[in-house]
Amino acid sequence: MIAIHSAASLLLTSLYLIVVLYLIRGWSNLRRPKTTTTDFTTKVTVLIAARNEEDGIHLTIEDILAQDYPKHLTEIIIVDDHSTDRTADIIRSYAPQGVRLHQMNEGEVLNSYKKKAIADAIRMSQGELMVATDADCRMGKRWLSSIVSYYQTSGVSMISSPVTYFQERSVFERMQTLEFSYLIGIGASFIGNNRASTCNGANFAYRKDLFYEVGGFKGIDDLASGDDELLLQKVAAIYPNHIGFLKEREAIVYTHAKPDLAAFMQQRRRWASKSTRYKDKKVVALAVGMWLFNLSLLVNALLSFYDVYFFYLFLVQFALKTVFEAIFLLPVLSFLKRVSLIALLIPLSPLHTLYLIYIGLMGNARKYAWKGRIVR
């Protein structure tokens, strides 16, 4: 029985390491694009769905207005999603600078207000390229121009760009940054391997006509989340080679980690809720395999109290996992200029294992709170 258990544990470990090697290859396949800062011809619409963001939305708007992209080619549309604070008033104060406010006034209850907000903004837009971000994000002045340069020179129709956390105030928030870097790296690596599956809606661009060609959010609009990954997967099913990841530091968008464990878990349950709609069954199988590997780590750690043999088995798994993840993470963190975070990998790894097991069990089984609403 122990031999069978050991073989299963090592098999799951081997499969996980193969996945990480796949990610390492995907990241290395991505090249920094050769872009130009002149000859811009693309009309761009920046889209933001905002709800109760009075504390920081002015910073996001100021960053967008400070972009070096030609003003006559830039349109900014912010949709206020039934805010109960001063968000709409703050947005409205920027009207003289060309910021357009659209206020939602739906009478019926929706499960996906954000998708409705984005769809409304796209319907109102005049741009060719939709560039979506969030109301609590910050960006450098070459954010838009780097995205459009890549769009005009690469021929892609959908662009996933990097996102990272910043201004961390605790070890917990820095751990989140490390874990989030891993997720961003996974999405980028899958694109680098020509198998787009994940992205982040805080830095996501696509052609307007492409959005309508794939039916927009039709078929996924009953789910609160998924305005990014599920839309990307709809496009990937038709145009797998038309999706790019912009490996360019000037395209990075910055946002904040969650301040406490409760907020973090709510966010991750929301992200996990999208997995039930993944159409690429191979990606689903990979996710299940990674979950089983983490489960085997926990089982062997617990069995260590019964027999020291399982402790050694756990150590082998943990050591291989940590080394391979470090090899993958180092170039990702180097790109994000956060290499020092790698020191948190060892203390984070066992906590991450517990988190992944919990999310795998509960992420699709319970409703969660998002922006003051209970959704699913």
Protein backbone atom coordinates (compact mmCIF):
# COMPACT_ATOMS: atom_id res chain seq x y z
CA MET A 1 0.00 0.00 0.00
CA ILE A 2 2.85 2.38 0.86
CA ALA A 3 4.51 1.57 -2.47
CA ILE A 4 1.34 2.44 -4.39
CA HIS A 5 0.91 5.65 -2.39
CA SER A 6 4.54 6.62 -3.03
CA ALA A 7 4.24 5.91 -6.74
CA ALA A 8 1.09 8.04 -6.96
CA SER A 9 2.75 10.90 -5.07
CA LEU A 10 5.83 10.83 -7.28
CA LEU A 11 3.70 10.59 -10.42
CA LEU A 12 1.72 13.67 -9.41
CA THR A 13 5.00 15.43 -8.59
CA SER A 14 6.42 14.56 -12.00
CA LEU A 15 3.29 15.84 -13.74
CA TYR A 16 3.48 19.10 -11.78
CA LEU A 17 7.13 19.59 -12.68
CA ILE A 18 6.32 18.98 -16.35
CA VAL A 19 3.68 21.70 -16.13
CA VAL A 20 6.19 24.11 -14.59
CA LEU A 21 8.70 23.27 -17.33
CA TYR A 22 5.94 24.05 -19.84
CA LEU A 23 5.47 27.42 -18.17
CA ILE A 24 9.21 28.12 -18.20
CA ARG A 25 9.30 27.45 -21.93
CA GLY A 26 6.24 29.63 -22.55
CA TRP A 27 7.72 32.61 -20.73
CA SER A 28 11.03 32.25 -22.59
CA ASN A 29 9.13 32.13 -25.90
CA LEU A 30 7.84 35.64 -25.27
CA ARG A 31 10.07 38.36 -26.66
CA ARG A 32 10.10 42.04 -25.87
CA PRO A 33 8.35 43.62 -28.85
CA LYS A 34 9.99 46.06 -31.21
CA THR A 35 7.61 48.97 -30.97
CA THR A 36 7.55 52.52 -32.24
CA THR A 37 6.39 55.72 -30.57
CA THR A 38 5.40 57.45 -33.79
CA ASP A 39 2.88 56.99 -36.61
CA PHE A 40 -0.06 56.17 -34.34
CA THR A 41 -3.31 55.74 -36.26
CA THR A 42 -5.48 53.68 -33.90
CA LYS A 43 -8.44 55.26 -32.13
CA VAL A 44 -8.41 53.88 -28.58
CA THR A 45 -11.21 53.67 -26.02
CA VAL A 46 -10.17 53.24 -22.40
CA LEU A 47 -12.91 51.38 -20.50
CA ILE A 48 -13.42 51.36 -16.74
CA ALA A 49 -16.29 49.90 -14.70
CA ALA A 50 -16.33 51.59 -11.30
CA ARG A 51 -18.30 51.02 -8.12
CA ASN A 52 -17.64 52.87 -4.87
CA GLU A 53 -14.11 53.94 -5.79
CA GLU A 54 -14.11 57.49 -4.42
CA ASP A 55 -10.84 57.03 -2.53
CA GLY A 56 -8.61 56.43 -5.52
CA ILE A 57 -10.37 56.78 -8.87
CA HIS A 58 -9.03 60.32 -9.31
CA LEU A 59 -5.50 58.88 -9.36
CA THR A 60 -6.43 56.41 -12.09
CA ILE A 61 -8.07 59.12 -14.17
CA GLU A 62 -5.08 61.44 -13.74
CA ASP A 63 -2.72 58.67 -14.91
CA ILE A 64 -4.84 58.05 -18.01
CA LEU A 65 -5.04 61.75 -18.83
CA ALA A 66 -1.24 61.98 -18.49
CA GLN A 67 -0.63 59.36 -21.19
CA ASP A 68 1.68 60.36 -24.04
CA TYR A 69 -0.65 58.78 -26.58
CA PRO A 70 -2.22 61.37 -28.95
CA LYS A 71 -5.24 62.96 -27.29
CA HIS A 72 -7.24 63.10 -30.52
CA LEU A 73 -6.98 59.30 -30.72
CA THR A 74 -7.96 58.68 -27.09
CA GLU A 75 -11.45 58.23 -25.69
CA ILE A 76 -12.13 57.59 -21.99
CA ILE A 77 -15.43 56.05 -20.86
CA ILE A 78 -16.07 55.26 -17.20
CA VAL A 79 -19.25 53.45 -16.21
CA ASP A 80 -20.53 54.05 -12.71
CA ASP A 81 -22.05 50.83 -11.43
CA HIS A 82 -24.65 52.13 -8.97
CA SER A 83 -22.09 53.67 -6.62
CA THR A 84 -23.36 54.86 -3.26
CA ASP A 85 -20.43 57.22 -2.62
CA ARG A 86 -18.95 60.17 -4.57
CA THR A 87 -17.52 58.08 -7.41
CA ALA A 88 -19.87 59.48 -10.07
CA ASP A 89 -19.28 63.08 -8.94
CA ILE A 90 -15.52 62.64 -9.15
CA ILE A 91 -15.75 61.17 -12.65
CA ARG A 92 -18.09 63.96 -13.71
CA SER A 93 -15.60 66.59 -12.58
CA TYR A 94 -13.24 65.42 -15.33
CA ALA A 95 -15.79 65.98 -18.12
CA PRO A 96 -14.00 69.18 -19.30
CA GLN A 97 -10.94 67.00 -19.96
CA GLY A 98 -12.89 64.59 -22.12
CA VAL A 99 -13.79 61.87 -19.61
CA ARG A 100 -17.25 60.45 -20.35
CA LEU A 101 -19.44 59.18 -17.54
CA HIS A 102 -22.18 56.60 -18.05
CA GLN A 103 -24.34 55.74 -15.06
CA MET A 104 -26.09 52.39 -14.94
CA ASN A 105 -29.74 52.46 -13.92
CA GLU A 106 -30.90 48.86 -14.33
CA GLY A 107 -34.09 48.11 -12.46
CA GLU A 108 -33.73 44.34 -12.58
CA VAL A 109 -31.24 42.44 -10.48
CA LEU A 110 -28.21 41.21 -12.44
CA ASN A 111 -25.50 38.75 -11.48
CA SER A 112 -22.88 40.37 -13.72
CA TYR A 113 -23.06 44.13 -13.40
CA LYS A 114 -19.45 44.51 -14.50
CA LYS A 115 -20.00 42.72 -17.81
CA LYS A 116 -23.08 44.88 -18.40
CA ALA A 117 -21.02 48.00 -17.63
CA ILE A 118 -18.27 47.01 -20.05
CA ALA A 119 -20.76 46.07 -22.77
CA ASP A 120 -22.50 49.43 -22.34
CA ALA A 121 -19.20 51.28 -22.65
CA ILE A 122 -18.23 49.34 -25.77
CA ARG A 123 -21.60 50.11 -27.33
CA MET A 124 -21.05 53.84 -26.67
CA SER A 125 -17.43 53.81 -27.83
CA GLN A 126 -15.98 55.16 -31.07
CA GLY A 127 -12.59 53.51 -30.78
CA GLU A 128 -11.15 50.63 -32.77
CA LEU A 129 -9.19 49.17 -29.85
CA MET A 130 -10.83 48.73 -26.45
CA VAL A 131 -8.39 48.96 -23.54
CA ALA A 132 -9.89 47.85 -20.23
CA THR A 133 -8.49 48.60 -16.80
CA ASP A 134 -9.85 48.94 -13.25
CA ALA A 135 -10.74 52.00 -11.21
CA ASP A 136 -8.05 51.35 -8.60
CA CYS A 137 -5.10 50.95 -10.96
CA ARG A 138 -2.05 53.09 -11.68
CA MET A 139 0.05 53.22 -14.83
CA GLY A 140 3.01 55.04 -16.35
CA LYS A 141 2.63 57.63 -19.08
CA ARG A 142 3.64 55.19 -21.86
CA TRP A 143 1.06 52.57 -20.91
CA LEU A 144 -1.31 53.27 -23.80
CA SER A 145 1.34 53.99 -26.41
CA SER A 146 3.17 50.73 -25.65
CA ILE A 147 -0.07 48.73 -26.01
CA VAL A 148 -1.02 50.43 -29.27
CA SER A 149 2.51 50.12 -30.66
CA TYR A 150 2.36 46.39 -30.06
CA TYR A 151 -1.14 46.23 -31.56
CA GLN A 152 -0.09 48.07 -34.73
CA THR A 153 3.14 46.13 -35.27
CA SER A 154 2.21 42.61 -34.19
CA GLY A 155 -1.08 42.06 -35.97
CA VAL A 156 -2.75 40.55 -32.88
CA SER A 157 -6.40 41.27 -32.12
CA MET A 158 -6.36 40.74 -28.35
CA ILE A 159 -3.62 41.76 -25.92
CA SER A 160 -3.04 40.61 -22.37
CA SER A 161 -0.63 42.93 -20.58
CA PRO A 162 1.16 42.64 -17.22
CA VAL A 163 -0.33 43.56 -13.85
CA THR A 164 1.39 43.60 -10.48
CA TYR A 165 0.83 44.77 -6.93
CA PHE A 166 2.73 47.66 -5.39
CA GLN A 167 2.97 49.79 -2.23
CA GLU A 168 2.69 46.72 0.00
CA ARG A 169 2.42 47.48 3.71
CA SER A 170 2.95 44.01 5.22
CA VAL A 171 4.57 40.62 4.67
CA PHE A 172 1.10 39.27 3.88
CA GLU A 173 0.70 41.76 1.03
CA ARG A 174 4.19 41.01 -0.30
CA MET A 175 3.31 37.31 -0.28
CA GLN A 176 0.26 38.17 -2.34
CA THR A 177 2.47 39.99 -4.81
CA LEU A 178 4.67 36.91 -5.20
CA GLU A 179 1.66 34.62 -5.67
CA PHE A 180 0.02 37.08 -8.07
CA SER A 181 3.25 37.27 -10.10
CA TYR A 182 3.03 33.49 -10.45
CA LEU A 183 -0.52 33.81 -11.82
CA ILE A 184 0.44 36.57 -14.25
CA GLY A 185 3.39 34.46 -15.35
CA ILE A 186 1.11 31.47 -15.94
CA GLY A 187 -1.21 33.51 -18.18
CA ALA A 188 1.72 34.95 -20.11
CA SER A 189 3.38 31.54 -20.48
CA PHE A 190 0.28 29.90 -21.87
CA ILE A 191 0.09 32.65 -24.48
CA GLY A 192 3.80 32.13 -25.15
CA ASN A 193 2.97 28.48 -25.85
CA ASN A 194 0.12 29.54 -28.21
CA ARG A 195 -2.53 28.25 -25.83
CA ALA A 196 -4.13 31.35 -24.32
CA SER A 197 -6.24 30.53 -21.27
CA THR A 198 -5.90 33.20 -18.58
CA CYS A 199 -5.38 36.95 -18.34
CA ASN A 200 -6.25 39.85 -16.05
CA GLY A 201 -8.97 42.39 -16.81
CA ALA A 202 -7.00 45.21 -15.20
CA ASN A 203 -4.84 45.37 -18.34
CA PHE A 204 -6.67 43.86 -21.28
CA ALA A 205 -7.16 45.11 -24.83
CA TYR A 206 -9.10 43.86 -27.84
CA ARG A 207 -10.61 45.06 -31.09
CA LYS A 208 -14.17 46.27 -30.83
CA ASP A 209 -15.29 44.30 -33.89
CA LEU A 210 -13.75 41.15 -32.41
CA PHE A 211 -15.83 41.58 -29.25
CA TYR A 212 -19.01 41.58 -31.32
CA GLU A 213 -17.79 38.82 -33.64
CA VAL A 214 -17.53 36.34 -30.74
CA GLY A 215 -20.88 37.44 -29.32
CA GLY A 216 -19.50 39.63 -26.56
CA PHE A 217 -20.40 38.24 -23.15
CA LYS A 218 -23.28 36.15 -24.44
CA GLY A 219 -23.19 32.73 -22.83
CA ILE A 220 -21.05 33.88 -19.90
CA ASP A 221 -23.13 36.84 -18.72
CA ASP A 222 -24.83 34.88 -15.93
CA LEU A 223 -21.53 34.65 -14.06
CA ALA A 224 -20.40 37.66 -12.01
CA SER A 225 -16.75 37.29 -12.97
CA GLY A 226 -15.08 36.34 -16.24
CA ASP A 227 -15.13 39.56 -18.24
CA ASP A 228 -11.46 38.84 -18.97
CA GLU A 229 -10.55 35.13 -19.01
CA LEU A 230 -13.83 33.81 -20.39
CA LEU A 231 -13.85 36.42 -23.15
CA LEU A 232 -10.23 35.53 -23.97
CA GLN A 233 -11.17 31.87 -24.19
CA LYS A 234 -14.03 32.64 -26.57
CA VAL A 235 -11.56 34.40 -28.85
CA ALA A 236 -8.92 31.67 -28.42
CA ALA A 237 -11.40 29.06 -29.63
CA ILE A 238 -11.71 30.89 -32.97
CA TYR A 239 -8.45 32.83 -33.37
CA PRO A 240 -5.82 31.10 -31.19
CA ASN A 241 -2.94 32.86 -32.96
CA HIS A 242 -4.42 36.35 -32.67
CA ILE A 243 -3.75 36.74 -28.93
CA GLY A 244 -0.54 38.25 -27.60
CA PHE A 245 1.07 39.01 -24.26
CA LEU A 246 2.84 42.36 -24.11
CA LYS A 247 6.14 41.67 -22.40
CA GLU A 248 6.96 45.32 -21.94
CA ARG A 249 7.67 47.03 -18.60
CA GLU A 250 6.12 50.31 -19.71
CA ALA A 251 2.81 48.45 -20.20
CA ILE A 252 2.62 47.28 -16.56
CA VAL A 253 -0.47 48.27 -14.59
CA TYR A 254 -0.15 48.53 -10.81
CA THR A 255 -2.81 47.79 -8.23
CA HIS A 256 -3.00 46.86 -4.55
CA ALA A 257 -3.01 43.56 -2.71
CA LYS A 258 -5.87 42.79 -0.36
CA PRO A 259 -5.40 44.13 3.18
CA ASP A 260 -6.56 41.03 5.05
CA LEU A 261 -7.20 37.32 4.67
CA ALA A 262 -10.99 37.64 4.40
CA ALA A 263 -10.79 40.07 1.46
CA PHE A 264 -8.13 37.91 -0.19
CA MET A 265 -10.25 34.76 0.04
CA GLN A 266 -13.32 36.54 -1.33
CA GLN A 267 -11.28 37.72 -4.31
CA ARG A 268 -9.87 34.28 -5.01
CA ARG A 269 -13.25 32.57 -4.71
CA ARG A 270 -14.47 35.02 -7.33
CA TRP A 271 -11.56 34.15 -9.60
CA ALA A 272 -12.06 30.42 -9.03
CA SER A 273 -15.75 30.67 -9.95
CA LYS A 274 -14.76 31.18 -13.59
CA SER A 275 -13.13 27.76 -13.85
CA THR A 276 -16.48 25.98 -14.29
CA ARG A 277 -16.82 27.70 -17.67
CA TYR A 278 -13.39 26.92 -19.09
CA LYS A 279 -13.91 25.40 -22.53
CA ASP A 280 -10.39 24.02 -22.97
CA LYS A 281 -10.63 20.69 -21.16
CA LYS A 282 -6.87 20.20 -21.29
CA VAL A 283 -6.43 23.36 -19.21
CA VAL A 284 -9.08 22.06 -16.79
CA ALA A 285 -7.22 18.75 -16.57
CA LEU A 286 -3.98 20.59 -15.81
CA ALA A 287 -5.69 22.54 -13.05
CA VAL A 288 -7.10 19.33 -11.54
CA GLY A 289 -3.68 17.70 -11.71
CA MET A 290 -2.07 20.66 -9.93
CA TRP A 291 -4.76 20.51 -7.26
CA LEU A 292 -4.18 16.77 -6.73
CA PHE A 293 -0.45 17.36 -6.44
CA ASN A 294 -1.01 19.93 -3.70
CA LEU A 295 -3.43 17.55 -2.00
CA SER A 296 -0.74 14.85 -2.03
CA LEU A 297 1.65 17.30 -0.35
CA LEU A 298 -0.82 17.88 2.46
CA VAL A 299 -1.61 14.17 2.83
CA ASN A 300 2.07 13.25 3.08
CA ALA A 301 2.69 16.05 5.59
CA LEU A 302 -0.12 14.69 7.78
CA LEU A 303 1.03 11.09 7.37
CA SER A 304 4.44 12.17 8.63
CA PHE A 305 3.00 11.98 12.14
CA TYR A 306 2.31 8.30 11.48
CA ASP A 307 5.56 7.28 9.76
CA VAL A 308 8.75 9.28 9.16
CA TYR A 309 8.91 7.77 5.65
CA PHE A 310 6.09 10.06 4.56
CA PHE A 311 8.00 13.03 5.93
CA TYR A 312 10.91 12.23 3.62
CA LEU A 313 8.48 11.79 0.73
CA PHE A 314 6.97 15.19 1.56
CA LEU A 315 10.42 16.79 1.68
CA VAL A 316 11.28 15.44 -1.78
CA GLN A 317 8.03 16.80 -3.21
CA PHE A 318 8.38 20.14 -1.46
CA ALA A 319 12.03 20.58 -2.50
CA LEU A 320 11.35 19.80 -6.16
CA LYS A 321 8.30 22.04 -6.18
CA THR A 322 10.20 24.96 -4.65
CA VAL A 323 13.22 24.67 -6.94
CA PHE A 324 11.21 24.43 -10.16
CA GLU A 325 8.87 27.26 -9.13
CA ALA A 326 11.88 29.44 -8.30
CA ILE A 327 13.34 28.76 -11.75
CA PHE A 328 10.05 29.86 -13.31
CA LEU A 329 9.47 32.84 -11.03
CA LEU A 330 12.91 34.44 -11.18
CA PRO A 331 12.64 35.74 -14.78
CA VAL A 332 9.03 36.81 -14.16
CA LEU A 333 10.04 38.73 -11.03
CA SER A 334 13.05 40.15 -12.86
CA PHE A 335 10.72 41.51 -15.55
CA LEU A 336 8.53 43.05 -12.83
CA LYS A 337 11.63 44.31 -10.96
CA ARG A 338 10.63 42.43 -7.80
CA VAL A 339 13.32 39.75 -7.58
CA SER A 340 13.69 40.24 -3.82
CA LEU A 341 10.27 38.64 -3.34
CA ILE A 342 11.73 35.23 -4.18
CA ALA A 343 12.91 35.04 -0.55
CA LEU A 344 9.26 34.57 0.46
CA LEU A 345 8.80 31.48 -1.70
CA ILE A 346 9.67 28.91 1.00
CA PRO A 347 7.35 30.31 3.72
CA LEU A 348 4.64 30.99 1.15
CA SER A 349 4.69 27.54 -0.45
CA PRO A 350 2.99 25.51 2.35
CA LEU A 351 0.42 28.26 2.88
CA HIS A 352 -0.24 28.32 -0.85
CA THR A 353 -0.80 24.57 -0.83
CA LEU A 354 -3.49 24.90 1.85
CA TYR A 355 -5.06 27.82 0.00
CA LEU A 356 -5.21 25.95 -3.32
CA ILE A 357 -6.84 22.92 -1.71
CA TYR A 358 -9.45 25.09 0.00
CA ILE A 359 -10.20 27.13 -3.14
CA GLY A 360 -10.48 23.95 -5.19
CA LEU A 361 -13.11 22.65 -2.80
CA MET A 362 -15.02 25.85 -2.05
CA GLY A 363 -14.39 28.17 -4.99
CA ASN A 364 -17.30 26.84 -7.01
CA ALA A 365 -19.55 25.76 -4.18
CA ARG A 366 -20.44 29.01 -2.44
CA LYS A 367 -21.63 32.51 -3.21
CA TYR A 368 -19.24 35.34 -2.41
CA ALA A 369 -19.28 39.06 -1.70
CA TRP A 370 -18.08 41.48 -4.38
CA LYS A 371 -18.44 45.26 -4.27
CA GLY A 372 -21.09 45.06 -1.57
CA ARG A 373 -23.17 42.43 -3.38
CA ILE A 374 -23.62 38.70 -2.90
CA VAL A 375 -23.03 37.04 -6.26
CA ARG A 376 -22.10 33.69 -7.74
